[in-house]
Amino acid sequence: MKYDINLNIHYTAPEEVWIAIEEVYRSMPYWAGYNKEVRWTGTEIDLWASVEPSGIQIAGVMPESIWDEWYDSLKNKLTQSLGYQIGEPEEGFDFKYWK
């Protein structure tokens, strides 16, 4: 299934936030490293992440049966690491850093 979501992490966040985000990314299943962008790959899995004005964008394909748990885990780990609730701005999650 195809996904294209944004998270409430603004590109103006300080350096320590980006360091924490990278640690979370690396901890996620299917981590494939960097190839011009952050990637997670596997059988029927090809996700990438980028930093956009609308927040961190994560897009690509992943079976729905894996996505639900993977995405919940990503949001939970980011929330715990960054110290504020991470989710999609379209669902009412506010940006903490905004310059």
N, C-alpha and C. Protein backbone atom coordinates (compact mmCIF):
# COMPACT_ATOMS: atom_id res chain seq x y z
N MET A 1 0.84 -1.17 0.00
CA MET A 1 0.00 0.00 0.00
C MET A 1 0.89 1.24 0.00
N LYS A 2 0.45 2.30 -0.68
CA LYS A 2 1.22 3.54 -0.75
C LYS A 2 0.85 4.46 0.41
N TYR A 3 1.88 5.12 0.95
CA TYR A 3 1.68 6.07 2.05
C TYR A 3 2.41 7.37 1.73
N ASP A 4 1.87 8.44 2.24
CA ASP A 4 2.49 9.76 2.12
C ASP A 4 1.95 10.61 3.27
N ILE A 5 2.74 10.71 4.33
CA ILE A 5 2.29 11.42 5.53
C ILE A 5 3.30 12.50 5.90
N ASN A 6 2.85 13.45 6.69
CA ASN A 6 3.73 14.48 7.25
C ASN A 6 3.62 14.42 8.76
N LEU A 7 4.75 14.64 9.43
CA LEU A 7 4.78 14.69 10.89
C LEU A 7 5.09 16.11 11.34
N ASN A 8 4.66 16.44 12.53
CA ASN A 8 4.78 17.80 13.06
C ASN A 8 6.18 18.09 13.61
N ILE A 9 7.18 17.87 12.77
CA ILE A 9 8.57 18.20 13.09
C ILE A 9 9.02 19.19 12.03
N HIS A 10 9.19 20.43 12.44
CA HIS A 10 9.48 21.52 11.51
C HIS A 10 10.96 21.55 11.15
N TYR A 11 11.25 21.98 9.94
CA TYR A 11 12.63 22.01 9.47
C TYR A 11 13.51 22.97 10.25
N THR A 12 12.93 23.88 11.04
CA THR A 12 13.72 24.82 11.82
C THR A 12 14.08 24.28 13.21
N ALA A 13 13.77 23.03 13.49
CA ALA A 13 14.11 22.44 14.79
C ALA A 13 15.63 22.49 15.00
N PRO A 14 16.06 22.61 16.25
CA PRO A 14 17.50 22.70 16.52
C PRO A 14 18.23 21.39 16.25
N GLU A 15 19.54 21.49 16.15
CA GLU A 15 20.41 20.36 15.80
C GLU A 15 20.19 19.14 16.70
N GLU A 16 20.01 19.35 18.01
CA GLU A 16 19.84 18.20 18.91
C GLU A 16 18.58 17.40 18.58
N VAL A 17 17.57 18.06 18.03
CA VAL A 17 16.35 17.36 17.61
C VAL A 17 16.66 16.44 16.43
N TRP A 18 17.45 16.91 15.48
CA TRP A 18 17.78 16.10 14.30
C TRP A 18 18.66 14.91 14.67
N ILE A 19 19.52 15.09 15.66
CA ILE A 19 20.34 13.98 16.14
C ILE A 19 19.44 12.91 16.76
N ALA A 20 18.48 13.33 17.57
CA ALA A 20 17.54 12.38 18.19
C ALA A 20 16.69 11.68 17.14
N ILE A 21 16.24 12.42 16.13
CA ILE A 21 15.43 11.83 15.06
C ILE A 21 16.22 10.75 14.32
N GLU A 22 17.48 11.04 14.03
CA GLU A 22 18.30 10.05 13.33
C GLU A 22 18.44 8.77 14.15
N GLU A 23 18.60 8.89 15.46
CA GLU A 23 18.70 7.71 16.31
C GLU A 23 17.42 6.88 16.25
N VAL A 24 16.28 7.56 16.25
CA VAL A 24 15.00 6.84 16.14
C VAL A 24 14.91 6.17 14.78
N TYR A 25 15.22 6.90 13.73
CA TYR A 25 15.17 6.30 12.38
C TYR A 25 15.98 5.01 12.33
N ARG A 26 17.20 5.07 12.85
CA ARG A 26 18.10 3.90 12.81
C ARG A 26 17.55 2.73 13.62
N SER A 27 16.72 3.01 14.61
CA SER A 27 16.18 1.95 15.47
C SER A 27 14.97 1.25 14.85
N MET A 28 14.44 1.81 13.78
CA MET A 28 13.22 1.26 13.19
C MET A 28 13.52 0.06 12.29
N PRO A 29 12.63 -0.95 12.32
CA PRO A 29 12.80 -2.09 11.41
C PRO A 29 12.87 -1.64 9.95
N TYR A 30 13.65 -2.36 9.18
CA TYR A 30 13.82 -2.15 7.73
C TYR A 30 14.73 -0.96 7.41
N TRP A 31 15.42 -0.42 8.42
CA TRP A 31 16.34 0.69 8.20
C TRP A 31 17.34 0.29 7.12
N ALA A 32 17.51 1.16 6.11
CA ALA A 32 18.44 0.89 5.02
C ALA A 32 19.52 1.96 4.90
N GLY A 33 19.46 2.98 5.75
CA GLY A 33 20.48 4.02 5.71
C GLY A 33 20.09 5.16 4.79
N TYR A 34 21.12 5.82 4.31
CA TYR A 34 20.92 6.98 3.46
C TYR A 34 21.34 6.66 2.03
N ASN A 35 20.53 7.05 1.09
CA ASN A 35 20.86 7.01 -0.33
C ASN A 35 20.21 8.25 -0.93
N LYS A 36 20.80 9.40 -0.62
CA LYS A 36 20.26 10.72 -0.95
C LYS A 36 19.09 11.11 -0.05
N GLU A 37 18.45 10.14 0.57
CA GLU A 37 17.42 10.39 1.57
C GLU A 37 17.40 9.21 2.52
N VAL A 38 16.70 9.39 3.62
CA VAL A 38 16.54 8.32 4.60
C VAL A 38 15.67 7.24 3.97
N ARG A 39 16.06 5.95 4.18
CA ARG A 39 15.30 4.87 3.54
C ARG A 39 15.12 3.70 4.48
N TRP A 40 13.97 3.05 4.29
CA TRP A 40 13.68 1.77 4.91
C TRP A 40 13.25 0.86 3.76
N THR A 41 13.85 -0.32 3.67
CA THR A 41 13.53 -1.22 2.55
C THR A 41 13.41 -2.66 3.04
N GLY A 42 12.74 -3.45 2.24
CA GLY A 42 12.55 -4.87 2.51
C GLY A 42 11.63 -5.43 1.45
N THR A 43 11.17 -6.65 1.66
CA THR A 43 10.24 -7.26 0.72
C THR A 43 8.96 -6.44 0.69
N GLU A 44 8.65 -5.88 -0.47
CA GLU A 44 7.48 -5.03 -0.68
C GLU A 44 7.51 -3.76 0.19
N ILE A 45 8.72 -3.34 0.60
CA ILE A 45 8.87 -2.15 1.44
C ILE A 45 9.88 -1.22 0.80
N ASP A 46 9.47 -0.01 0.57
CA ASP A 46 10.37 1.03 0.07
C ASP A 46 9.84 2.38 0.55
N LEU A 47 10.30 2.79 1.73
CA LEU A 47 9.89 4.07 2.31
C LEU A 47 11.08 5.02 2.32
N TRP A 48 10.79 6.30 2.24
CA TRP A 48 11.83 7.33 2.36
C TRP A 48 11.28 8.46 3.21
N ALA A 49 12.19 9.25 3.75
CA ALA A 49 11.80 10.40 4.56
C ALA A 49 12.58 11.62 4.07
N SER A 50 11.93 12.77 4.14
CA SER A 50 12.60 14.02 3.81
C SER A 50 12.04 15.12 4.69
N VAL A 51 12.79 16.20 4.75
CA VAL A 51 12.38 17.35 5.55
C VAL A 51 11.78 18.38 4.61
N GLU A 52 10.52 18.71 4.85
CA GLU A 52 9.78 19.64 4.01
C GLU A 52 9.24 20.79 4.84
N PRO A 53 8.84 21.90 4.21
CA PRO A 53 8.23 23.00 4.97
C PRO A 53 6.98 22.56 5.74
N SER A 54 6.31 21.52 5.27
CA SER A 54 5.10 21.03 5.93
C SER A 54 5.40 20.02 7.04
N GLY A 55 6.68 19.77 7.31
CA GLY A 55 7.09 18.80 8.33
C GLY A 55 7.86 17.67 7.71
N ILE A 56 8.24 16.72 8.54
CA ILE A 56 8.92 15.54 8.00
C ILE A 56 7.92 14.76 7.17
N GLN A 57 8.31 14.43 5.96
CA GLN A 57 7.46 13.64 5.07
C GLN A 57 8.01 12.23 5.02
N ILE A 58 7.13 11.26 5.16
CA ILE A 58 7.48 9.86 4.98
C ILE A 58 6.54 9.31 3.93
N ALA A 59 7.12 8.72 2.89
CA ALA A 59 6.30 8.24 1.78
C ALA A 59 6.91 6.97 1.21
N GLY A 60 6.09 6.24 0.49
CA GLY A 60 6.54 5.04 -0.17
C GLY A 60 5.53 3.92 -0.01
N VAL A 61 6.02 2.69 -0.11
CA VAL A 61 5.14 1.53 -0.04
C VAL A 61 5.56 0.61 1.09
N MET A 62 4.55 0.03 1.72
CA MET A 62 4.74 -0.95 2.78
C MET A 62 3.42 -1.68 2.93
N PRO A 63 3.46 -3.00 3.13
CA PRO A 63 2.19 -3.71 3.35
C PRO A 63 1.45 -3.12 4.56
N GLU A 64 0.15 -2.98 4.42
CA GLU A 64 -0.66 -2.40 5.49
C GLU A 64 -0.50 -3.15 6.80
N SER A 65 -0.33 -4.46 6.70
CA SER A 65 -0.18 -5.29 7.91
C SER A 65 1.09 -4.94 8.69
N ILE A 66 2.07 -4.40 8.04
CA ILE A 66 3.31 -3.97 8.69
C ILE A 66 3.22 -2.49 9.05
N TRP A 67 2.65 -1.68 8.17
CA TRP A 67 2.60 -0.24 8.34
C TRP A 67 2.00 0.19 9.67
N ASP A 68 0.86 -0.34 10.02
CA ASP A 68 0.16 0.12 11.23
C ASP A 68 1.06 0.04 12.45
N GLU A 69 1.69 -1.08 12.67
CA GLU A 69 2.57 -1.24 13.83
C GLU A 69 3.84 -0.40 13.66
N TRP A 70 4.42 -0.39 12.47
CA TRP A 70 5.65 0.36 12.22
C TRP A 70 5.44 1.85 12.45
N TYR A 71 4.37 2.39 11.90
CA TYR A 71 4.08 3.82 12.01
C TYR A 71 3.77 4.22 13.45
N ASP A 72 2.99 3.40 14.15
CA ASP A 72 2.72 3.68 15.56
C ASP A 72 4.01 3.66 16.37
N SER A 73 4.87 2.71 16.09
CA SER A 73 6.15 2.62 16.79
C SER A 73 7.02 3.85 16.51
N LEU A 74 7.07 4.28 15.25
CA LEU A 74 7.84 5.47 14.89
C LEU A 74 7.34 6.68 15.66
N LYS A 75 6.04 6.92 15.64
CA LYS A 75 5.49 8.08 16.36
C LYS A 75 5.75 7.99 17.85
N ASN A 76 5.59 6.80 18.44
CA ASN A 76 5.84 6.64 19.88
C ASN A 76 7.29 6.89 20.23
N LYS A 77 8.21 6.35 19.44
CA LYS A 77 9.64 6.55 19.71
C LYS A 77 10.03 8.02 19.54
N LEU A 78 9.50 8.68 18.52
CA LEU A 78 9.80 10.10 18.32
C LEU A 78 9.22 10.94 19.46
N THR A 79 8.00 10.63 19.88
CA THR A 79 7.37 11.34 21.00
C THR A 79 8.22 11.20 22.25
N GLN A 80 8.64 10.00 22.55
CA GLN A 80 9.45 9.75 23.74
C GLN A 80 10.80 10.46 23.64
N SER A 81 11.43 10.40 22.49
CA SER A 81 12.75 10.98 22.32
C SER A 81 12.73 12.51 22.31
N LEU A 82 11.70 13.10 21.68
CA LEU A 82 11.65 14.55 21.52
C LEU A 82 10.92 15.26 22.65
N GLY A 83 10.11 14.53 23.40
CA GLY A 83 9.45 15.11 24.55
C GLY A 83 8.18 15.88 24.25
N TYR A 84 7.62 15.69 23.07
CA TYR A 84 6.30 16.25 22.74
C TYR A 84 5.60 15.31 21.78
N GLN A 85 4.28 15.39 21.73
CA GLN A 85 3.46 14.46 20.96
C GLN A 85 3.70 14.62 19.46
N ILE A 86 4.09 13.54 18.82
CA ILE A 86 4.35 13.54 17.37
C ILE A 86 3.17 12.91 16.65
N GLY A 87 2.73 13.58 15.60
CA GLY A 87 1.63 13.09 14.78
C GLY A 87 1.50 13.97 13.55
N GLU A 88 0.43 13.79 12.84
CA GLU A 88 0.21 14.52 11.60
C GLU A 88 -0.46 15.87 11.89
N PRO A 89 0.11 16.96 11.36
CA PRO A 89 -0.51 18.27 11.57
C PRO A 89 -1.97 18.32 11.14
N GLU A 90 -2.32 17.57 10.08
CA GLU A 90 -3.69 17.53 9.59
C GLU A 90 -4.65 16.94 10.62
N GLU A 91 -4.10 16.21 11.59
CA GLU A 91 -4.92 15.61 12.64
C GLU A 91 -4.86 16.43 13.93
N GLY A 92 -4.29 17.64 13.85
CA GLY A 92 -4.28 18.54 14.99
C GLY A 92 -3.02 18.55 15.82
N PHE A 93 -1.98 17.86 15.39
CA PHE A 93 -0.72 17.87 16.13
C PHE A 93 0.07 19.12 15.78
N ASP A 94 0.39 19.91 16.79
CA ASP A 94 1.08 21.18 16.59
C ASP A 94 2.59 21.01 16.45
N PHE A 95 3.21 21.96 15.77
CA PHE A 95 4.66 22.03 15.68
C PHE A 95 5.20 22.65 16.96
N LYS A 96 6.28 22.10 17.50
CA LYS A 96 6.92 22.69 18.66
C LYS A 96 7.90 23.76 18.22
N TYR A 97 8.65 23.49 17.19
CA TYR A 97 9.65 24.44 16.71
C TYR A 97 9.13 25.08 15.44
N TRP A 98 9.08 26.35 15.46
CA TRP A 98 8.57 27.08 14.30
C TRP A 98 9.16 28.48 14.35
N LYS A 99 10.08 28.77 13.45
CA LYS A 99 10.73 30.10 13.46
C LYS A 99 10.17 30.95 12.35
